Amino acid sequence: RAVMDWRMHRAVGVAIRAADPVATPGRPVVVGLGAGPL
């Protein structure tokens, strides 16, 4: 569940902007690394 609902990614310190609350084929997700303007 933690892998599929993006909690794992968020817990490692990356920002996740996903189209769905769980990983869904064909749907976009933007992974954000770093902070602020960087």
PDB file of all heavy atoms in Angstrom:
ATOM      1  N   ARG A   1       0.843  -1.216   0.000  1.00  0.00           N
ATOM      2  CA  ARG A   1       0.000   0.000   0.000  1.00  0.00           C
ATOM      3  C   ARG A   1       0.867   1.250   0.000  1.00  0.00           C
ATOM      4  O   ARG A   1       0.575   2.223  -0.698  1.00  0.00           O
ATOM      5  CB  ARG A   1      -0.929   0.002   1.218  1.00  0.00           C
ATOM      6  CG  ARG A   1      -2.165  -0.852   1.037  1.00  0.00           C
ATOM      7  CD  ARG A   1      -3.192  -0.624   2.140  1.00  0.00           C
ATOM      8  NE  ARG A   1      -2.675  -0.847   3.479  1.00  0.00           N
ATOM      9  CZ  ARG A   1      -2.636  -2.013   4.106  1.00  0.00           C
ATOM     10  NH1 ARG A   1      -3.101  -3.092   3.503  1.00  0.00           N
ATOM     11  NH2 ARG A   1      -2.145  -2.125   5.323  1.00  0.00           N
ATOM     12  N   ALA A   2       1.938   1.244   0.806  1.00  0.00           N
ATOM     13  CA  ALA A   2       2.821   2.422   0.887  1.00  0.00           C
ATOM     14  C   ALA A   2       3.506   2.712  -0.441  1.00  0.00           C
ATOM     15  O   ALA A   2       3.762   3.871  -0.776  1.00  0.00           O
ATOM     16  CB  ALA A   2       3.857   2.234   1.993  1.00  0.00           C
ATOM     17  N   VAL A   3       3.805   1.674  -1.214  1.00  0.00           N
ATOM     18  CA  VAL A   3       4.385   1.880  -2.544  1.00  0.00           C
ATOM     19  C   VAL A   3       3.325   2.431  -3.493  1.00  0.00           C
ATOM     20  O   VAL A   3       3.555   3.423  -4.196  1.00  0.00           O
ATOM     21  CB  VAL A   3       4.975   0.563  -3.102  1.00  0.00           C
ATOM     22  CG1 VAL A   3       5.303   0.683  -4.589  1.00  0.00           C
ATOM     23  CG2 VAL A   3       6.217   0.170  -2.316  1.00  0.00           C
ATOM     24  N   MET A   4       2.162   1.822  -3.497  1.00  0.00           N
ATOM     25  CA  MET A   4       1.135   2.182  -4.475  1.00  0.00           C
ATOM     26  C   MET A   4       0.490   3.536  -4.222  1.00  0.00           C
ATOM     27  O   MET A   4       0.047   4.187  -5.166  1.00  0.00           O
ATOM     28  CB  MET A   4       0.060   1.093  -4.534  1.00  0.00           C
ATOM     29  CG  MET A   4       0.576  -0.244  -5.043  1.00  0.00           C
ATOM     30  SD  MET A   4       1.304  -0.167  -6.698  1.00  0.00           S
ATOM     31  CE  MET A   4      -0.157   0.127  -7.686  1.00  0.00           C
ATOM     32  N   ASP A   5       0.412   3.980  -2.964  1.00  0.00           N
ATOM     33  CA  ASP A   5      -0.262   5.261  -2.691  1.00  0.00           C
ATOM     34  C   ASP A   5       0.718   6.425  -2.530  1.00  0.00           C
ATOM     35  O   ASP A   5       0.368   7.459  -1.996  1.00  0.00           O
ATOM     36  CB  ASP A   5      -1.206   5.156  -1.492  1.00  0.00           C
ATOM     37  CG  ASP A   5      -0.521   4.969  -0.154  1.00  0.00           C
ATOM     38  OD1 ASP A   5       0.719   5.137  -0.051  1.00  0.00           O
ATOM     39  OD2 ASP A   5      -1.230   4.652   0.814  1.00  0.00           O
ATOM     40  N   TRP A   6       1.938   6.254  -2.977  1.00  0.00           N
ATOM     41  CA  TRP A   6       2.955   7.307  -3.037  1.00  0.00           C
ATOM     42  C   TRP A   6       3.582   7.645  -1.685  1.00  0.00           C
ATOM     43  O   TRP A   6       4.465   8.493  -1.627  1.00  0.00           O
ATOM     44  CB  TRP A   6       2.410   8.603  -3.684  1.00  0.00           C
ATOM     45  CG  TRP A   6       1.740   8.375  -5.002  1.00  0.00           C
ATOM     46  CD1 TRP A   6       0.409   8.465  -5.261  1.00  0.00           C
ATOM     47  CD2 TRP A   6       2.357   7.993  -6.238  1.00  0.00           C
ATOM     48  NE1 TRP A   6       0.154   8.175  -6.575  1.00  0.00           N
ATOM     49  CE2 TRP A   6       1.339   7.878  -7.198  1.00  0.00           C
ATOM     50  CE3 TRP A   6       3.681   7.737  -6.617  1.00  0.00           C
ATOM     51  CZ2 TRP A   6       1.578   7.523  -8.511  1.00  0.00           C
ATOM     52  CZ3 TRP A   6       3.921   7.384  -7.927  1.00  0.00           C
ATOM     53  CH2 TRP A   6       2.879   7.285  -8.859  1.00  0.00           C
ATOM     54  N   ARG A   7       3.170   6.986  -0.578  1.00  0.00           N
ATOM     55  CA  ARG A   7       3.762   7.304   0.727  1.00  0.00           C
ATOM     56  C   ARG A   7       5.259   7.026   0.758  1.00  0.00           C
ATOM     57  O   ARG A   7       6.008   7.766   1.378  1.00  0.00           O
ATOM     58  CB  ARG A   7       3.076   6.525   1.852  1.00  0.00           C
ATOM     59  CG  ARG A   7       1.796   7.170   2.326  1.00  0.00           C
ATOM     60  CD  ARG A   7       1.179   6.383   3.448  1.00  0.00           C
ATOM     61  NE  ARG A   7       0.735   5.094   2.929  1.00  0.00           N
ATOM     62  CZ  ARG A   7       0.631   3.987   3.646  1.00  0.00           C
ATOM     63  NH1 ARG A   7       0.935   3.981   4.925  1.00  0.00           N
ATOM     64  NH2 ARG A   7       0.205   2.866   3.095  1.00  0.00           N
ATOM     65  N   MET A   8       5.693   5.945   0.121  1.00  0.00           N
ATOM     66  CA  MET A   8       7.117   5.636   0.098  1.00  0.00           C
ATOM     67  C   MET A   8       7.895   6.785  -0.529  1.00  0.00           C
ATOM     68  O   MET A   8       8.890   7.252   0.024  1.00  0.00           O
ATOM     69  CB  MET A   8       7.402   4.346  -0.677  1.00  0.00           C
ATOM     70  CG  MET A   8       8.887   4.041  -0.825  1.00  0.00           C
ATOM     71  SD  MET A   8       9.231   2.724  -2.003  1.00  0.00           S
ATOM     72  CE  MET A   8       8.862   3.534  -3.560  1.00  0.00           C
ATOM     73  N   HIS A   9       7.444   7.255  -1.673  1.00  0.00           N
ATOM     74  CA  HIS A   9       8.142   8.346  -2.354  1.00  0.00           C
ATOM     75  C   HIS A   9       8.193   9.596  -1.481  1.00  0.00           C
ATOM     76  O   HIS A   9       9.237  10.225  -1.342  1.00  0.00           O
ATOM     77  CB  HIS A   9       7.465   8.663  -3.688  1.00  0.00           C
ATOM     78  CG  HIS A   9       7.814   7.713  -4.772  1.00  0.00           C
ATOM     79  ND1 HIS A   9       7.289   6.438  -4.852  1.00  0.00           N
ATOM     80  CD2 HIS A   9       8.644   7.839  -5.829  1.00  0.00           C
ATOM     81  CE1 HIS A   9       7.781   5.838  -5.907  1.00  0.00           C
ATOM     82  NE2 HIS A   9       8.607   6.660  -6.529  1.00  0.00           N
ATOM     83  N   ARG A  10       7.054   9.936  -0.898  1.00  0.00           N
ATOM     84  CA  ARG A  10       7.016  11.132  -0.049  1.00  0.00           C
ATOM     85  C   ARG A  10       7.920  10.976   1.168  1.00  0.00           C
ATOM     86  O   ARG A  10       8.570  11.930   1.590  1.00  0.00           O
ATOM     87  CB  ARG A  10       5.583  11.435   0.354  1.00  0.00           C
ATOM     88  CG  ARG A  10       4.751  11.949  -0.817  1.00  0.00           C
ATOM     89  CD  ARG A  10       3.321  12.292  -0.412  1.00  0.00           C
ATOM     90  NE  ARG A  10       2.619  12.907  -1.521  1.00  0.00           N
ATOM     91  CZ  ARG A  10       1.625  12.319  -2.186  1.00  0.00           C
ATOM     92  NH1 ARG A  10       1.192  11.115  -1.846  1.00  0.00           N
ATOM     93  NH2 ARG A  10       1.057  12.955  -3.195  1.00  0.00           N
ATOM     94  N   ALA A  11       7.970   9.776   1.724  1.00  0.00           N
ATOM     95  CA  ALA A  11       8.786   9.532   2.919  1.00  0.00           C
ATOM     96  C   ALA A  11      10.283   9.641   2.639  1.00  0.00           C
ATOM     97  O   ALA A  11      11.055   9.920   3.554  1.00  0.00           O
ATOM     98  CB  ALA A  11       8.462   8.167   3.522  1.00  0.00           C
ATOM     99  N   VAL A  12      10.697   9.419   1.392  1.00  0.00           N
ATOM    100  CA  VAL A  12      12.118   9.565   1.080  1.00  0.00           C
ATOM    101  C   VAL A  12      12.477  11.008   0.770  1.00  0.00           C
ATOM    102  O   VAL A  12      13.624  11.317   0.487  1.00  0.00           O
ATOM    103  CB  VAL A  12      12.603   8.631  -0.060  1.00  0.00           C
ATOM    104  CG1 VAL A  12      12.448   7.184   0.307  1.00  0.00           C
ATOM    105  CG2 VAL A  12      11.944   8.939  -1.373  1.00  0.00           C
ATOM    106  N   GLY A  13      11.472  11.892   0.826  1.00  0.00           N
ATOM    107  CA  GLY A  13      11.753  13.312   0.677  1.00  0.00           C
ATOM    108  C   GLY A  13      11.520  13.911  -0.685  1.00  0.00           C
ATOM    109  O   GLY A  13      11.987  15.007  -0.959  1.00  0.00           O
ATOM    110  N   VAL A  14      10.796  13.205  -1.540  1.00  0.00           N
ATOM    111  CA  VAL A  14      10.472  13.797  -2.834  1.00  0.00           C
ATOM    112  C   VAL A  14       9.019  14.259  -2.821  1.00  0.00           C
ATOM    113  O   VAL A  14       8.172  13.685  -2.133  1.00  0.00           O
ATOM    114  CB  VAL A  14      10.711  12.830  -4.024  1.00  0.00           C
ATOM    115  CG1 VAL A  14      12.160  12.417  -4.110  1.00  0.00           C
ATOM    116  CG2 VAL A  14       9.820  11.630  -3.952  1.00  0.00           C
ATOM    117  N   ALA A  15       8.757  15.323  -3.544  1.00  0.00           N
ATOM    118  CA  ALA A  15       7.390  15.801  -3.702  1.00  0.00           C
ATOM    119  C   ALA A  15       6.734  15.001  -4.818  1.00  0.00           C
ATOM    120  O   ALA A  15       7.368  14.706  -5.836  1.00  0.00           O
ATOM    121  CB  ALA A  15       7.389  17.287  -4.042  1.00  0.00           C
ATOM    122  N   ILE A  16       5.501  14.633  -4.609  1.00  0.00           N
ATOM    123  CA  ILE A  16       4.749  13.892  -5.620  1.00  0.00           C
ATOM    124  C   ILE A  16       3.489  14.672  -5.943  1.00  0.00           C
ATOM    125  O   ILE A  16       2.719  15.026  -5.049  1.00  0.00           O
ATOM    126  CB  ILE A  16       4.360  12.484  -5.106  1.00  0.00           C
ATOM    127  CG1 ILE A  16       5.591  11.615  -4.901  1.00  0.00           C
ATOM    128  CG2 ILE A  16       3.355  11.818  -6.031  1.00  0.00           C
ATOM    129  CD1 ILE A  16       6.272  11.170  -6.173  1.00  0.00           C
ATOM    130  N   ARG A  17       3.290  14.930  -7.213  1.00  0.00           N
ATOM    131  CA  ARG A  17       2.029  15.496  -7.684  1.00  0.00           C
ATOM    132  C   ARG A  17       1.464  14.478  -8.664  1.00  0.00           C
ATOM    133  O   ARG A  17       1.925  14.365  -9.801  1.00  0.00           O
ATOM    134  CB  ARG A  17       2.238  16.850  -8.352  1.00  0.00           C
ATOM    135  CG  ARG A  17       0.905  17.584  -8.539  1.00  0.00           C
ATOM    136  CD  ARG A  17       1.078  18.995  -9.049  1.00  0.00           C
ATOM    137  NE  ARG A  17       1.468  18.938 -10.446  1.00  0.00           N
ATOM    138  CZ  ARG A  17       2.457  19.635 -10.981  1.00  0.00           C
ATOM    139  NH1 ARG A  17       3.201  20.431 -10.251  1.00  0.00           N
ATOM    140  NH2 ARG A  17       2.740  19.533 -12.265  1.00  0.00           N
ATOM    141  N   ALA A  18       0.504  13.697  -8.172  1.00  0.00           N
ATOM    142  CA  ALA A  18      -0.051  12.600  -8.962  1.00  0.00           C
ATOM    143  C   ALA A  18      -1.492  12.885  -9.341  1.00  0.00           C
ATOM    144  O   ALA A  18      -2.231  13.516  -8.582  1.00  0.00           O
ATOM    145  CB  ALA A  18       0.032  11.299  -8.166  1.00  0.00           C
ATOM    146  N   ALA A  19      -1.891  12.381 -10.502  1.00  0.00           N
ATOM    147  CA  ALA A  19      -3.257  12.551 -10.980  1.00  0.00           C
ATOM    148  C   ALA A  19      -4.233  11.709 -10.165  1.00  0.00           C
ATOM    149  O   ALA A  19      -5.414  12.012 -10.116  1.00  0.00           O
ATOM    150  CB  ALA A  19      -3.343  12.171 -12.455  1.00  0.00           C
ATOM    151  N   ASP A  20      -3.751  10.661  -9.525  1.00  0.00           N
ATOM    152  CA  ASP A  20      -4.590   9.737  -8.767  1.00  0.00           C
ATOM    153  C   ASP A  20      -3.947   9.441  -7.418  1.00  0.00           C
ATOM    154  O   ASP A  20      -2.724   9.515  -7.281  1.00  0.00           O
ATOM    155  CB  ASP A  20      -4.759   8.428  -9.542  1.00  0.00           C
ATOM    156  CG  ASP A  20      -5.491   8.647 -10.858  1.00  0.00           C
ATOM    157  OD1 ASP A  20      -6.684   8.983 -10.814  1.00  0.00           O
ATOM    158  OD2 ASP A  20      -4.859   8.483 -11.921  1.00  0.00           O
ATOM    159  N   PRO A  21      -4.754   9.061  -6.416  1.00  0.00           N
ATOM    160  CA  PRO A  21      -4.195   8.764  -5.095  1.00  0.00           C
ATOM    161  C   PRO A  21      -3.357   7.484  -5.057  1.00  0.00           C
ATOM    162  O   PRO A  21      -2.589   7.278  -4.125  1.00  0.00           O
ATOM    163  CB  PRO A  21      -5.420   8.657  -4.192  1.00  0.00           C
ATOM    164  CG  PRO A  21      -6.573   8.410  -5.101  1.00  0.00           C
ATOM    165  CD  PRO A  21      -6.211   9.012  -6.426  1.00  0.00           C
ATOM    166  N   VAL A  22      -3.494   6.641  -6.054  1.00  0.00           N
ATOM    167  CA  VAL A  22      -2.658   5.441  -6.174  1.00  0.00           C
ATOM    168  C   VAL A  22      -2.106   5.382  -7.596  1.00  0.00           C
ATOM    169  O   VAL A  22      -2.686   5.958  -8.525  1.00  0.00           O
ATOM    170  CB  VAL A  22      -3.426   4.135  -5.851  1.00  0.00           C
ATOM    171  CG1 VAL A  22      -3.899   4.123  -4.401  1.00  0.00           C
ATOM    172  CG2 VAL A  22      -4.582   3.929  -6.792  1.00  0.00           C
ATOM    173  N   ALA A  23      -0.995   4.691  -7.761  1.00  0.00           N
ATOM    174  CA  ALA A  23      -0.388   4.545  -9.082  1.00  0.00           C
ATOM    175  C   ALA A  23      -1.384   3.863 -10.019  1.00  0.00           C
ATOM    176  O   ALA A  23      -1.877   2.772  -9.715  1.00  0.00           O
ATOM    177  CB  ALA A  23       0.902   3.734  -8.978  1.00  0.00           C
ATOM    178  N   THR A  24      -1.672   4.520 -11.140  1.00  0.00           N
ATOM    179  CA  THR A  24      -2.671   4.045 -12.091  1.00  0.00           C
ATOM    180  C   THR A  24      -2.099   4.143 -13.503  1.00  0.00           C
ATOM    181  O   THR A  24      -1.657   5.222 -13.915  1.00  0.00           O
ATOM    182  CB  THR A  24      -3.954   4.909 -11.995  1.00  0.00           C
ATOM    183  OG1 THR A  24      -4.419   4.884 -10.644  1.00  0.00           O
ATOM    184  CG2 THR A  24      -5.036   4.415 -12.926  1.00  0.00           C
ATOM    185  N   PRO A  25      -2.083   3.030 -14.239  1.00  0.00           N
ATOM    186  CA  PRO A  25      -1.516   3.056 -15.592  1.00  0.00           C
ATOM    187  C   PRO A  25      -2.137   4.146 -16.472  1.00  0.00           C
ATOM    188  O   PRO A  25      -3.348   4.383 -16.441  1.00  0.00           O
ATOM    189  CB  PRO A  25      -1.832   1.667 -16.144  1.00  0.00           C
ATOM    190  CG  PRO A  25      -1.943   0.808 -14.932  1.00  0.00           C
ATOM    191  CD  PRO A  25      -2.576   1.695 -13.885  1.00  0.00           C
ATOM    192  N   GLY A  26      -1.251   4.804 -17.218  1.00  0.00           N
ATOM    193  CA  GLY A  26      -1.677   5.838 -18.147  1.00  0.00           C
ATOM    194  C   GLY A  26      -1.851   7.207 -17.523  1.00  0.00           C
ATOM    195  O   GLY A  26      -2.182   8.163 -18.220  1.00  0.00           O
ATOM    196  N   ARG A  27      -1.612   7.318 -16.234  1.00  0.00           N
ATOM    197  CA  ARG A  27      -1.833   8.572 -15.526  1.00  0.00           C
ATOM    198  C   ARG A  27      -0.508   9.243 -15.192  1.00  0.00           C
ATOM    199  O   ARG A  27       0.470   8.585 -14.850  1.00  0.00           O
ATOM    200  CB  ARG A  27      -2.632   8.314 -14.252  1.00  0.00           C
ATOM    201  CG  ARG A  27      -3.978   7.668 -14.531  1.00  0.00           C
ATOM    202  CD  ARG A  27      -4.917   8.540 -15.312  1.00  0.00           C
ATOM    203  NE  ARG A  27      -5.378   9.569 -14.380  1.00  0.00           N
ATOM    204  CZ  ARG A  27      -5.912  10.715 -14.715  1.00  0.00           C
ATOM    205  NH1 ARG A  27      -6.063  11.026 -15.977  1.00  0.00           N
ATOM    206  NH2 ARG A  27      -6.297  11.575 -13.804  1.00  0.00           N
ATOM    207  N   PRO A  28      -0.483  10.578 -15.255  1.00  0.00           N
ATOM    208  CA  PRO A  28       0.766  11.306 -15.005  1.00  0.00           C
ATOM    209  C   PRO A  28       1.085  11.455 -13.519  1.00  0.00           C
ATOM    210  O   PRO A  28       0.200  11.425 -12.661  1.00  0.00           O
ATOM    211  CB  PRO A  28       0.493  12.674 -15.632  1.00  0.00           C
ATOM    212  CG  PRO A  28      -0.988  12.836 -15.539  1.00  0.00           C
ATOM    213  CD  PRO A  28      -1.563  11.451 -15.688  1.00  0.00           C
ATOM    214  N   VAL A  29       2.364  11.621 -13.262  1.00  0.00           N
ATOM    215  CA  VAL A  29       2.872  11.951 -11.935  1.00  0.00           C
ATOM    216  C   VAL A  29       4.108  12.813 -12.139  1.00  0.00           C
ATOM    217  O   VAL A  29       4.896  12.560 -13.054  1.00  0.00           O
ATOM    218  CB  VAL A  29       3.188  10.684 -11.103  1.00  0.00           C
ATOM    219  CG1 VAL A  29       4.217   9.808 -11.771  1.00  0.00           C
ATOM    220  CG2 VAL A  29       3.640  11.038  -9.702  1.00  0.00           C
ATOM    221  N   VAL A  30       4.250  13.837 -11.326  1.00  0.00           N
ATOM    222  CA  VAL A  30       5.443  14.674 -11.383  1.00  0.00           C
ATOM    223  C   VAL A  30       6.200  14.479 -10.081  1.00  0.00           C
ATOM    224  O   VAL A  30       5.656  14.683  -9.000  1.00  0.00           O
ATOM    225  CB  VAL A  30       5.105  16.165 -11.596  1.00  0.00           C
ATOM    226  CG1 VAL A  30       6.384  17.010 -11.591  1.00  0.00           C
ATOM    227  CG2 VAL A  30       4.351  16.356 -12.903  1.00  0.00           C
ATOM    228  N   VAL A  31       7.441  14.054 -10.213  1.00  0.00           N
ATOM    229  CA  VAL A  31       8.318  13.848  -9.062  1.00  0.00           C
ATOM    230  C   VAL A  31       9.153  15.112  -8.906  1.00  0.00           C
ATOM    231  O   VAL A  31       9.737  15.602  -9.878  1.00  0.00           O
ATOM    232  CB  VAL A  31       9.228  12.617  -9.296  1.00  0.00           C
ATOM    233  CG1 VAL A  31      10.171  12.413  -8.129  1.00  0.00           C
ATOM    234  CG2 VAL A  31       8.381  11.371  -9.552  1.00  0.00           C
ATOM    235  N   GLY A  32       9.179  15.647  -7.706  1.00  0.00           N
ATOM    236  CA  GLY A  32       9.945  16.859  -7.440  1.00  0.00           C
ATOM    237  C   GLY A  32      11.111  16.570  -6.508  1.00  0.00           C
ATOM    238  O   GLY A  32      10.917  16.048  -5.416  1.00  0.00           O
ATOM    239  N   LEU A  33      12.305  16.891  -6.961  1.00  0.00           N
ATOM    240  CA  LEU A  33      13.520  16.673  -6.168  1.00  0.00           C
ATOM    241  C   LEU A  33      14.115  18.020  -5.794  1.00  0.00           C
ATOM    242  O   LEU A  33      14.199  18.911  -6.633  1.00  0.00           O
ATOM    243  CB  LEU A  33      14.540  15.860  -6.974  1.00  0.00           C
ATOM    244  CG  LEU A  33      14.048  14.524  -7.511  1.00  0.00           C
ATOM    245  CD1 LEU A  33      15.026  13.971  -8.526  1.00  0.00           C
ATOM    246  CD2 LEU A  33      13.833  13.554  -6.386  1.00  0.00           C
ATOM    247  N   GLY A  34      14.539  18.169  -4.562  1.00  0.00           N
ATOM    248  CA  GLY A  34      15.109  19.432  -4.119  1.00  0.00           C
ATOM    249  C   GLY A  34      14.044  20.298  -3.477  1.00  0.00           C
ATOM    250  O   GLY A  34      12.942  19.841  -3.182  1.00  0.00           O
ATOM    251  N   ALA A  35      14.385  21.561  -3.264  1.00  0.00           N
ATOM    252  CA  ALA A  35      13.455  22.455  -2.574  1.00  0.00           C
ATOM    253  C   ALA A  35      13.430  23.827  -3.227  1.00  0.00           C
ATOM    254  O   ALA A  35      14.393  24.252  -3.866  1.00  0.00           O
ATOM    255  CB  ALA A  35      13.863  22.584  -1.107  1.00  0.00           C
ATOM    256  N   GLY A  36      12.307  24.500  -3.040  1.00  0.00           N
ATOM    257  CA  GLY A  36      12.162  25.874  -3.491  1.00  0.00           C
ATOM    258  C   GLY A  36      12.441  26.054  -4.966  1.00  0.00           C
ATOM    259  O   GLY A  36      12.091  25.209  -5.787  1.00  0.00           O
ATOM    260  N   PRO A  37      13.137  27.162  -5.298  1.00  0.00           N
ATOM    261  CA  PRO A  37      13.392  27.449  -6.710  1.00  0.00           C
ATOM    262  C   PRO A  37      14.377  26.456  -7.346  1.00  0.00           C
ATOM    263  O   PRO A  37      14.487  26.390  -8.562  1.00  0.00           O
ATOM    264  CB  PRO A  37      13.967  28.864  -6.703  1.00  0.00           C
ATOM    265  CG  PRO A  37      14.492  29.068  -5.327  1.00  0.00           C
ATOM    266  CD  PRO A  37      13.642  28.220  -4.421  1.00  0.00           C
ATOM    267  N   LEU A  38      15.070  25.678  -6.509  1.00  0.00           N
ATOM    268  CA  LEU A  38      15.999  24.681  -7.044  1.00  0.00           C
ATOM    269  C   LEU A  38      15.340  23.321  -7.259  1.00  0.00           C
ATOM    270  O   LEU A  38      16.005  22.378  -7.656  1.00  0.00           O
ATOM    271  CB  LEU A  38      17.192  24.525  -6.092  1.00  0.00           C
ATOM    272  CG  LEU A  38      18.033  25.787  -5.889  1.00  0.00           C
ATOM    273  CD1 LEU A  38      19.152  25.508  -4.899  1.00  0.00           C
ATOM    274  CD2 LEU A  38      18.578  26.292  -7.203  1.00  0.00           C
TER     275      LEU A  38
END
